[in-house]
């Protein structure tokens, strides 16, 4: 089952919409929202109408900067891994093992190290920086999970008309 695989945060709210309303507070730290993050929507299945509005998750400036930094760090990590794997394959096929490693290590470090060093200097936001996760469950049911119980309760109040009945949560 999808929910068994997905890493949910401690407090879940089940809703029958993929475009819920969010409280006007940062989803990570709970302070006043100054901006919002609009995630790239997944491709819709053929025949499904496009949503009327795009999902917009509220953030304060500091938490959004930290969130975007972590996204960038993850992307750089994947690029470094890809370069390492394909580069190792190419180099190991034409160079001796020691020479190939002497080339690969600096290239991987040059891609990943600058962001890693910057990350060490950034303040760590409350809740470890992950305030919300959304998981599609089935048909029109979505599970929004939150690190903060208070935020989850506010989200539930904001989306009362969309709450999923208990019998559909299994």
N, C-alpha and C. Protein backbone atom coordinates (compact mmCIF):
# COMPACT_ATOMS: atom_id res chain seq x y z
N UNK A 1 0.84 -1.19 0.00
CA UNK A 1 0.00 0.00 0.00
C UNK A 1 0.88 1.24 0.00
N UNK A 2 0.48 2.26 -0.71
CA UNK A 2 1.27 3.47 -0.86
C UNK A 2 1.63 4.11 0.46
N UNK A 3 0.70 4.18 1.39
CA UNK A 3 0.98 4.84 2.66
C UNK A 3 2.01 4.09 3.48
N UNK A 4 2.14 2.80 3.28
CA UNK A 4 3.15 2.03 3.99
C UNK A 4 4.55 2.35 3.48
N UNK A 5 4.64 2.78 2.22
CA UNK A 5 5.93 3.07 1.60
C UNK A 5 6.32 4.53 1.82
N UNK A 6 5.37 5.44 1.71
CA UNK A 6 5.65 6.86 1.81
C UNK A 6 6.06 7.23 3.23
N UNK A 7 7.00 8.16 3.32
CA UNK A 7 7.44 8.63 4.63
C UNK A 7 6.56 9.80 5.05
N UNK A 8 5.56 9.50 5.84
CA UNK A 8 4.65 10.54 6.31
C UNK A 8 5.20 11.17 7.59
N UNK A 9 4.80 12.39 7.82
CA UNK A 9 5.13 13.08 9.06
C UNK A 9 4.10 12.68 10.11
N UNK A 10 4.31 13.02 11.37
CA UNK A 10 3.46 12.47 12.45
C UNK A 10 1.97 12.79 12.41
N UNK A 11 1.57 13.93 11.84
CA UNK A 11 0.16 14.34 11.94
C UNK A 11 -0.45 14.39 10.54
N UNK A 12 -1.43 13.52 10.28
CA UNK A 12 -2.04 13.42 8.96
C UNK A 12 -3.45 14.00 8.92
N UNK A 13 -3.77 14.60 7.77
CA UNK A 13 -5.12 15.06 7.49
C UNK A 13 -5.48 14.51 6.11
N UNK A 14 -6.57 13.77 6.04
CA UNK A 14 -7.03 13.15 4.79
C UNK A 14 -8.09 14.06 4.18
N UNK A 15 -7.90 14.43 2.91
CA UNK A 15 -8.85 15.32 2.26
C UNK A 15 -9.20 14.78 0.87
N UNK A 16 -10.38 15.19 0.39
CA UNK A 16 -10.87 14.79 -0.93
C UNK A 16 -10.62 15.90 -1.95
N UNK A 17 -9.43 16.46 -1.96
CA UNK A 17 -9.05 17.47 -2.94
C UNK A 17 -7.53 17.51 -3.04
N UNK A 18 -7.05 17.89 -4.22
CA UNK A 18 -5.61 18.06 -4.36
C UNK A 18 -5.23 19.54 -4.29
N UNK A 19 -6.21 20.41 -4.02
CA UNK A 19 -5.95 21.84 -3.88
C UNK A 19 -6.61 22.39 -2.60
N UNK A 20 -6.11 21.98 -1.45
CA UNK A 20 -6.70 22.45 -0.19
C UNK A 20 -6.28 23.89 0.12
N UNK A 21 -6.91 24.44 1.14
CA UNK A 21 -6.53 25.76 1.65
C UNK A 21 -5.54 25.56 2.79
N UNK A 22 -4.57 26.44 2.88
CA UNK A 22 -3.58 26.37 3.96
C UNK A 22 -3.76 27.55 4.90
N UNK A 23 -3.55 27.35 6.19
CA UNK A 23 -3.53 28.49 7.11
C UNK A 23 -2.44 29.47 6.68
N UNK A 24 -2.64 30.74 6.94
CA UNK A 24 -1.70 31.77 6.50
C UNK A 24 -0.51 31.88 7.45
N UNK A 25 0.13 30.73 7.68
CA UNK A 25 1.33 30.66 8.53
C UNK A 25 2.32 29.75 7.84
N UNK A 26 3.58 29.95 8.14
CA UNK A 26 4.62 29.11 7.55
C UNK A 26 4.39 27.65 7.95
N UNK A 27 4.43 26.76 6.98
CA UNK A 27 4.17 25.35 7.22
C UNK A 27 5.30 24.69 8.03
N UNK A 28 6.47 25.33 8.08
CA UNK A 28 7.60 24.76 8.82
C UNK A 28 7.66 25.29 10.25
N UNK A 29 7.74 26.62 10.41
CA UNK A 29 7.98 27.19 11.74
C UNK A 29 6.73 27.79 12.39
N UNK A 30 5.66 27.99 11.62
CA UNK A 30 4.41 28.51 12.18
C UNK A 30 4.36 30.04 12.26
N UNK A 31 5.41 30.74 11.83
CA UNK A 31 5.36 32.21 11.86
C UNK A 31 4.50 32.70 10.69
N UNK A 32 4.28 34.01 10.64
CA UNK A 32 3.47 34.57 9.55
C UNK A 32 4.07 34.22 8.20
N UNK A 33 3.22 33.81 7.27
CA UNK A 33 3.69 33.46 5.92
C UNK A 33 4.00 34.74 5.16
N UNK A 34 5.18 34.78 4.57
CA UNK A 34 5.60 35.94 3.79
C UNK A 34 5.60 35.63 2.30
N UNK A 35 5.63 34.37 1.96
CA UNK A 35 5.69 33.95 0.56
C UNK A 35 5.06 32.56 0.45
N UNK A 36 5.12 31.98 -0.71
CA UNK A 36 4.58 30.64 -0.89
C UNK A 36 5.44 29.86 -1.87
N UNK A 37 5.34 28.57 -1.77
CA UNK A 37 6.05 27.67 -2.68
C UNK A 37 4.99 26.96 -3.51
N UNK A 38 5.16 26.98 -4.81
CA UNK A 38 4.24 26.30 -5.73
C UNK A 38 4.97 25.12 -6.34
N UNK A 39 4.72 23.91 -5.81
CA UNK A 39 5.41 22.74 -6.35
C UNK A 39 4.97 22.46 -7.78
N UNK A 40 5.86 21.85 -8.53
CA UNK A 40 5.53 21.45 -9.90
C UNK A 40 4.49 20.34 -9.82
N UNK A 41 3.32 20.57 -10.42
CA UNK A 41 2.27 19.54 -10.32
C UNK A 41 2.63 18.31 -11.15
N UNK A 42 2.24 17.13 -10.65
CA UNK A 42 2.46 15.93 -11.46
C UNK A 42 1.57 15.97 -12.69
N UNK A 43 1.98 15.25 -13.71
CA UNK A 43 1.19 15.20 -14.93
C UNK A 43 -0.15 14.54 -14.64
N UNK A 44 -1.22 15.12 -15.16
CA UNK A 44 -2.57 14.59 -14.95
C UNK A 44 -2.82 13.42 -15.91
N UNK A 45 -3.57 12.43 -15.42
CA UNK A 45 -3.94 11.32 -16.30
C UNK A 45 -4.87 11.85 -17.38
N UNK A 46 -4.84 11.17 -18.51
CA UNK A 46 -5.66 11.59 -19.64
C UNK A 46 -7.13 11.65 -19.22
N UNK A 47 -7.77 12.75 -19.58
CA UNK A 47 -9.19 12.91 -19.29
C UNK A 47 -9.47 13.65 -18.00
N UNK A 48 -8.48 13.77 -17.11
CA UNK A 48 -8.71 14.52 -15.88
C UNK A 48 -8.58 16.01 -16.16
N UNK A 49 -9.51 16.81 -15.64
CA UNK A 49 -9.42 18.26 -15.89
C UNK A 49 -8.25 18.87 -15.10
N UNK A 50 -7.71 19.93 -15.65
CA UNK A 50 -6.66 20.66 -14.93
C UNK A 50 -7.30 21.37 -13.73
N UNK A 51 -6.59 21.46 -12.61
CA UNK A 51 -7.16 22.14 -11.45
C UNK A 51 -7.35 23.64 -11.72
N UNK A 52 -8.32 24.23 -11.03
CA UNK A 52 -8.60 25.66 -11.20
C UNK A 52 -7.47 26.52 -10.64
N UNK A 53 -6.84 26.06 -9.58
CA UNK A 53 -5.75 26.83 -8.99
C UNK A 53 -4.58 25.91 -8.70
N UNK A 54 -3.40 26.48 -8.68
CA UNK A 54 -2.20 25.72 -8.40
C UNK A 54 -2.01 25.61 -6.89
N UNK A 55 -1.47 24.48 -6.46
CA UNK A 55 -1.19 24.28 -5.04
C UNK A 55 -0.14 25.30 -4.60
N UNK A 56 -0.41 26.02 -3.52
CA UNK A 56 0.52 27.02 -3.00
C UNK A 56 0.69 26.79 -1.50
N UNK A 57 1.91 26.45 -1.08
CA UNK A 57 2.21 26.14 0.31
C UNK A 57 2.86 27.37 0.94
N UNK A 58 2.30 27.89 2.06
CA UNK A 58 2.86 29.10 2.67
C UNK A 58 4.16 28.85 3.43
N UNK A 59 5.09 29.80 3.30
CA UNK A 59 6.38 29.75 3.98
C UNK A 59 6.78 31.15 4.43
N UNK A 60 7.64 31.21 5.43
CA UNK A 60 8.34 32.46 5.72
C UNK A 60 9.59 32.47 4.84
N UNK A 61 10.23 33.60 4.70
CA UNK A 61 11.39 33.72 3.80
C UNK A 61 12.52 32.78 4.20
N UNK A 62 12.83 32.69 5.50
CA UNK A 62 13.95 31.86 5.96
C UNK A 62 13.70 30.37 5.69
N UNK A 63 12.51 29.90 6.00
CA UNK A 63 12.21 28.47 5.80
C UNK A 63 12.16 28.12 4.32
N UNK A 64 11.65 29.03 3.48
CA UNK A 64 11.62 28.76 2.05
C UNK A 64 13.05 28.72 1.48
N UNK A 65 13.91 29.63 1.95
CA UNK A 65 15.31 29.62 1.50
C UNK A 65 15.98 28.31 1.90
N UNK A 66 15.74 27.84 3.12
CA UNK A 66 16.32 26.58 3.58
C UNK A 66 15.76 25.40 2.78
N UNK A 67 14.47 25.43 2.48
CA UNK A 67 13.83 24.37 1.70
C UNK A 67 14.43 24.31 0.29
N UNK A 68 14.54 25.47 -0.34
CA UNK A 68 15.11 25.51 -1.70
C UNK A 68 16.57 25.08 -1.70
N UNK A 69 17.29 25.44 -0.65
CA UNK A 69 18.69 25.02 -0.55
C UNK A 69 18.77 23.50 -0.47
N UNK A 70 17.92 22.88 0.36
CA UNK A 70 17.95 21.42 0.48
C UNK A 70 17.58 20.75 -0.85
N UNK A 71 16.65 21.34 -1.59
CA UNK A 71 16.33 20.81 -2.92
C UNK A 71 17.55 20.88 -3.83
N UNK A 72 18.23 22.01 -3.80
CA UNK A 72 19.42 22.19 -4.63
C UNK A 72 20.53 21.22 -4.24
N UNK A 73 20.69 21.02 -2.95
CA UNK A 73 21.71 20.10 -2.45
C UNK A 73 21.40 18.67 -2.92
N UNK A 74 20.14 18.28 -2.85
CA UNK A 74 19.75 16.94 -3.30
C UNK A 74 20.00 16.78 -4.80
N UNK A 75 19.67 17.82 -5.57
CA UNK A 75 19.90 17.76 -7.01
C UNK A 75 21.39 17.65 -7.31
N UNK A 76 22.20 18.46 -6.64
CA UNK A 76 23.65 18.41 -6.84
C UNK A 76 24.20 17.04 -6.45
N UNK A 77 23.65 16.47 -5.39
CA UNK A 77 24.09 15.14 -4.98
C UNK A 77 23.81 14.10 -6.05
N UNK A 78 22.63 14.18 -6.67
CA UNK A 78 22.29 13.25 -7.74
C UNK A 78 23.18 13.46 -8.96
N UNK A 79 23.48 14.72 -9.27
CA UNK A 79 24.37 15.00 -10.40
C UNK A 79 25.76 14.44 -10.11
N UNK A 80 26.26 14.67 -8.88
CA UNK A 80 27.59 14.16 -8.51
C UNK A 80 27.62 12.64 -8.60
N UNK A 81 26.57 11.98 -8.15
CA UNK A 81 26.50 10.52 -8.22
C UNK A 81 26.49 10.05 -9.68
N UNK A 82 25.69 10.73 -10.50
CA UNK A 82 25.62 10.37 -11.91
C UNK A 82 26.97 10.55 -12.59
N UNK A 83 27.63 11.68 -12.33
CA UNK A 83 28.96 11.92 -12.90
C UNK A 83 29.92 10.85 -12.43
N UNK A 84 29.83 10.50 -11.14
CA UNK A 84 30.74 9.50 -10.60
C UNK A 84 30.53 8.13 -11.25
N UNK A 85 29.29 7.72 -11.40
CA UNK A 85 29.01 6.40 -11.97
C UNK A 85 29.43 6.35 -13.44
N UNK A 86 28.94 7.29 -14.24
CA UNK A 86 29.26 7.27 -15.67
C UNK A 86 30.73 7.60 -15.92
N UNK A 87 31.25 8.54 -15.14
CA UNK A 87 32.65 8.88 -15.28
C UNK A 87 33.55 7.71 -14.91
N UNK A 88 33.19 7.02 -13.84
CA UNK A 88 33.98 5.85 -13.43
C UNK A 88 33.93 4.78 -14.51
N UNK A 89 32.77 4.57 -15.06
CA UNK A 89 32.64 3.58 -16.13
C UNK A 89 33.56 3.94 -17.31
N UNK A 90 33.49 5.22 -17.72
CA UNK A 90 34.30 5.65 -18.85
C UNK A 90 35.79 5.60 -18.52
N UNK A 91 36.15 6.11 -17.35
CA UNK A 91 37.57 6.15 -16.99
C UNK A 91 38.15 4.77 -16.72
N UNK A 92 37.39 3.93 -16.06
CA UNK A 92 37.91 2.60 -15.73
C UNK A 92 38.10 1.75 -16.99
N UNK A 93 37.37 2.10 -18.04
CA UNK A 93 37.53 1.32 -19.27
C UNK A 93 38.78 1.72 -20.06
N UNK A 94 39.35 2.92 -19.77
CA UNK A 94 40.53 3.37 -20.53
C UNK A 94 41.75 3.67 -19.67
N UNK A 95 41.56 3.87 -18.37
CA UNK A 95 42.69 4.23 -17.49
C UNK A 95 42.88 3.19 -16.39
N UNK A 96 44.08 3.13 -15.84
CA UNK A 96 44.29 2.26 -14.67
C UNK A 96 43.44 2.76 -13.50
N UNK A 97 43.14 1.86 -12.58
CA UNK A 97 42.25 2.15 -11.45
C UNK A 97 42.67 3.39 -10.66
N UNK A 98 43.91 3.48 -10.27
CA UNK A 98 44.39 4.62 -9.46
C UNK A 98 44.24 5.94 -10.18
N UNK A 99 44.55 5.98 -11.45
CA UNK A 99 44.44 7.22 -12.23
C UNK A 99 42.97 7.63 -12.36
N UNK A 100 42.10 6.67 -12.57
CA UNK A 100 40.66 6.97 -12.70
C UNK A 100 40.13 7.59 -11.41
N UNK A 101 40.51 7.04 -10.26
CA UNK A 101 40.07 7.62 -8.98
C UNK A 101 40.66 9.00 -8.78
N UNK A 102 41.89 9.21 -9.21
CA UNK A 102 42.53 10.52 -9.07
C UNK A 102 41.79 11.59 -9.86
N UNK A 103 41.11 11.21 -10.92
CA UNK A 103 40.33 12.15 -11.71
C UNK A 103 38.91 12.30 -11.14
N UNK A 104 38.28 11.20 -10.76
CA UNK A 104 36.87 11.21 -10.34
C UNK A 104 36.62 11.93 -9.02
N UNK A 105 37.47 11.72 -8.05
CA UNK A 105 37.23 12.31 -6.72
C UNK A 105 37.19 13.84 -6.79
N UNK A 106 38.15 14.52 -7.41
CA UNK A 106 38.06 15.98 -7.47
C UNK A 106 36.85 16.49 -8.26
N UNK A 107 36.47 15.79 -9.33
CA UNK A 107 35.31 16.23 -10.12
C UNK A 107 34.04 16.13 -9.28
N UNK A 108 33.82 15.01 -8.59
CA UNK A 108 32.64 14.85 -7.73
C UNK A 108 32.64 15.87 -6.60
N UNK A 109 33.80 16.10 -6.01
CA UNK A 109 33.90 17.08 -4.92
C UNK A 109 33.61 18.49 -5.41
N UNK A 110 34.05 18.82 -6.60
CA UNK A 110 33.82 20.16 -7.15
C UNK A 110 32.34 20.42 -7.38
N UNK A 111 31.60 19.39 -7.69
CA UNK A 111 30.15 19.55 -7.92
C UNK A 111 29.40 19.66 -6.60
N UNK A 112 29.76 18.84 -5.62
CA UNK A 112 28.96 18.71 -4.40
C UNK A 112 29.45 19.57 -3.24
N UNK A 113 30.74 19.74 -3.08
CA UNK A 113 31.31 20.39 -1.89
C UNK A 113 30.85 21.82 -1.65
N UNK A 114 30.76 22.69 -2.66
CA UNK A 114 30.33 24.07 -2.36
C UNK A 114 28.97 24.16 -1.68
N UNK A 115 28.02 23.37 -2.13
CA UNK A 115 26.71 23.40 -1.48
C UNK A 115 26.75 22.76 -0.10
N UNK A 116 27.53 21.71 0.06
CA UNK A 116 27.64 21.07 1.37
C UNK A 116 28.21 22.04 2.38
N UNK A 117 29.23 22.78 1.99
CA UNK A 117 29.84 23.76 2.89
C UNK A 117 28.86 24.88 3.23
N UNK A 118 28.10 25.34 2.25
CA UNK A 118 27.11 26.38 2.51
C UNK A 118 26.04 25.87 3.47
N UNK A 119 25.64 24.62 3.31
CA UNK A 119 24.62 24.03 4.18
C UNK A 119 25.04 23.96 5.63
N UNK A 120 26.30 23.78 5.88
CA UNK A 120 26.79 23.73 7.26
C UNK A 120 26.66 25.07 7.95
N UNK A 121 26.69 26.17 7.17
CA UNK A 121 26.60 27.50 7.76
C UNK A 121 25.17 28.00 7.91
N UNK A 122 24.20 27.32 7.29
CA UNK A 122 22.81 27.76 7.37
C UNK A 122 22.18 27.34 8.70
N UNK A 123 21.35 28.20 9.28
CA UNK A 123 20.66 27.78 10.50
C UNK A 123 19.67 26.66 10.20
N UNK A 124 19.53 25.75 11.14
CA UNK A 124 18.61 24.63 10.95
C UNK A 124 17.22 25.06 11.41
N UNK A 125 16.23 25.06 10.51
CA UNK A 125 14.89 25.47 10.90
C UNK A 125 14.22 24.46 11.84
N UNK A 126 13.22 24.94 12.54
CA UNK A 126 12.44 24.09 13.45
C UNK A 126 11.87 22.92 12.66
N UNK A 127 11.64 21.79 13.29
CA UNK A 127 11.09 20.56 12.71
C UNK A 127 12.02 19.95 11.67
N UNK A 128 13.29 20.33 11.64
CA UNK A 128 14.20 19.79 10.66
C UNK A 128 13.95 20.30 9.26
N UNK A 129 13.10 21.31 9.11
CA UNK A 129 12.89 21.92 7.81
C UNK A 129 11.82 21.29 6.95
N UNK A 130 11.28 20.17 7.32
CA UNK A 130 10.23 19.55 6.53
C UNK A 130 8.92 19.76 7.28
N UNK A 131 8.10 20.65 6.77
CA UNK A 131 6.86 20.96 7.47
C UNK A 131 5.66 20.18 6.98
N UNK A 132 5.69 19.74 5.70
CA UNK A 132 4.52 19.09 5.14
C UNK A 132 4.93 18.14 4.02
N UNK A 133 4.18 17.09 3.90
CA UNK A 133 4.29 16.18 2.76
C UNK A 133 2.87 15.86 2.30
N UNK A 134 2.71 15.73 1.00
CA UNK A 134 1.41 15.36 0.44
C UNK A 134 1.59 14.06 -0.33
N UNK A 135 0.65 13.14 -0.13
CA UNK A 135 0.71 11.85 -0.80
C UNK A 135 -0.67 11.55 -1.39
N UNK A 136 -0.69 11.19 -2.68
CA UNK A 136 -1.94 10.76 -3.28
C UNK A 136 -2.25 9.36 -2.76
N UNK A 137 -3.49 9.15 -2.34
CA UNK A 137 -3.87 7.85 -1.81
C UNK A 137 -4.63 7.03 -2.85
N UNK A 138 -5.77 7.51 -3.29
CA UNK A 138 -6.52 6.87 -4.37
C UNK A 138 -7.62 7.82 -4.83
N UNK A 139 -7.92 7.70 -6.09
CA UNK A 139 -8.91 8.57 -6.74
C UNK A 139 -8.70 10.03 -6.37
N UNK A 140 -9.58 10.58 -5.54
CA UNK A 140 -9.46 12.00 -5.17
C UNK A 140 -9.00 12.18 -3.73
N UNK A 141 -8.54 11.14 -3.09
CA UNK A 141 -8.12 11.23 -1.69
C UNK A 141 -6.62 11.50 -1.60
N UNK A 142 -6.27 12.49 -0.80
CA UNK A 142 -4.88 12.86 -0.56
C UNK A 142 -4.63 12.89 0.93
N UNK A 143 -3.42 12.55 1.31
CA UNK A 143 -3.01 12.62 2.70
C UNK A 143 -1.97 13.73 2.80
N UNK A 144 -2.28 14.75 3.57
CA UNK A 144 -1.33 15.81 3.85
C UNK A 144 -0.81 15.54 5.26
N UNK A 145 0.49 15.37 5.38
CA UNK A 145 1.06 15.10 6.70
C UNK A 145 1.93 16.28 7.11
N UNK A 146 1.94 16.54 8.41
CA UNK A 146 2.61 17.73 8.95
C UNK A 146 3.50 17.35 10.12
N UNK A 147 4.56 18.12 10.32
CA UNK A 147 5.45 17.94 11.47
C UNK A 147 4.84 18.54 12.73
N UNK A 148 4.01 19.56 12.56
CA UNK A 148 3.42 20.27 13.69
C UNK A 148 1.96 19.87 13.89
N UNK A 149 1.64 19.44 15.10
CA UNK A 149 0.25 19.08 15.42
C UNK A 149 -0.65 20.30 15.32
N UNK A 150 -0.18 21.44 15.79
CA UNK A 150 -0.97 22.67 15.75
C UNK A 150 -1.29 23.06 14.30
N UNK A 151 -0.30 22.95 13.42
CA UNK A 151 -0.54 23.30 12.02
C UNK A 151 -1.51 22.31 11.38
N UNK A 152 -1.38 21.03 11.71
CA UNK A 152 -2.29 20.02 11.17
C UNK A 152 -3.74 20.31 11.58
N UNK A 153 -3.94 20.70 12.82
CA UNK A 153 -5.30 21.02 13.29
C UNK A 153 -5.84 22.26 12.58
N UNK A 154 -5.00 23.26 12.37
CA UNK A 154 -5.43 24.45 11.64
C UNK A 154 -5.78 24.11 10.19
N UNK A 155 -4.96 23.26 9.58
CA UNK A 155 -5.21 22.81 8.20
C UNK A 155 -6.54 22.06 8.13
N UNK A 156 -6.79 21.22 9.11
CA UNK A 156 -8.04 20.46 9.16
C UNK A 156 -9.25 21.40 9.26
N UNK A 157 -9.14 22.43 10.11
CA UNK A 157 -10.23 23.41 10.23
C UNK A 157 -10.45 24.15 8.91
N UNK A 158 -9.38 24.51 8.22
CA UNK A 158 -9.47 25.25 6.95
C UNK A 158 -10.13 24.42 5.86
N UNK A 159 -10.03 23.10 5.97
CA UNK A 159 -10.50 22.20 4.90
C UNK A 159 -11.62 21.28 5.37
N UNK A 160 -12.41 21.75 6.30
CA UNK A 160 -13.48 20.94 6.88
C UNK A 160 -14.39 20.31 5.83
N UNK A 161 -14.71 21.06 4.77
CA UNK A 161 -15.64 20.55 3.75
C UNK A 161 -15.01 19.45 2.89
N UNK A 162 -13.68 19.30 2.92
CA UNK A 162 -13.00 18.32 2.10
C UNK A 162 -12.53 17.09 2.87
N UNK A 163 -12.77 17.03 4.18
CA UNK A 163 -12.25 15.92 4.99
C UNK A 163 -12.79 14.58 4.50
N UNK A 164 -11.91 13.60 4.48
CA UNK A 164 -12.26 12.26 4.04
C UNK A 164 -12.95 11.52 5.17
N UNK A 165 -14.11 10.87 4.91
CA UNK A 165 -14.77 10.08 5.96
C UNK A 165 -13.85 8.95 6.44
N UNK A 166 -13.94 8.62 7.72
CA UNK A 166 -13.07 7.60 8.32
C UNK A 166 -13.11 6.26 7.59
N UNK A 167 -14.27 5.86 7.09
CA UNK A 167 -14.38 4.54 6.45
C UNK A 167 -13.61 4.46 5.12
N UNK A 168 -13.22 5.59 4.55
CA UNK A 168 -12.46 5.59 3.30
C UNK A 168 -10.96 5.66 3.53
N UNK A 169 -10.53 5.74 4.78
CA UNK A 169 -9.11 5.88 5.09
C UNK A 169 -8.36 4.57 5.16
N UNK A 170 -9.02 3.47 4.96
CA UNK A 170 -8.32 2.18 5.07
C UNK A 170 -7.96 1.62 3.73
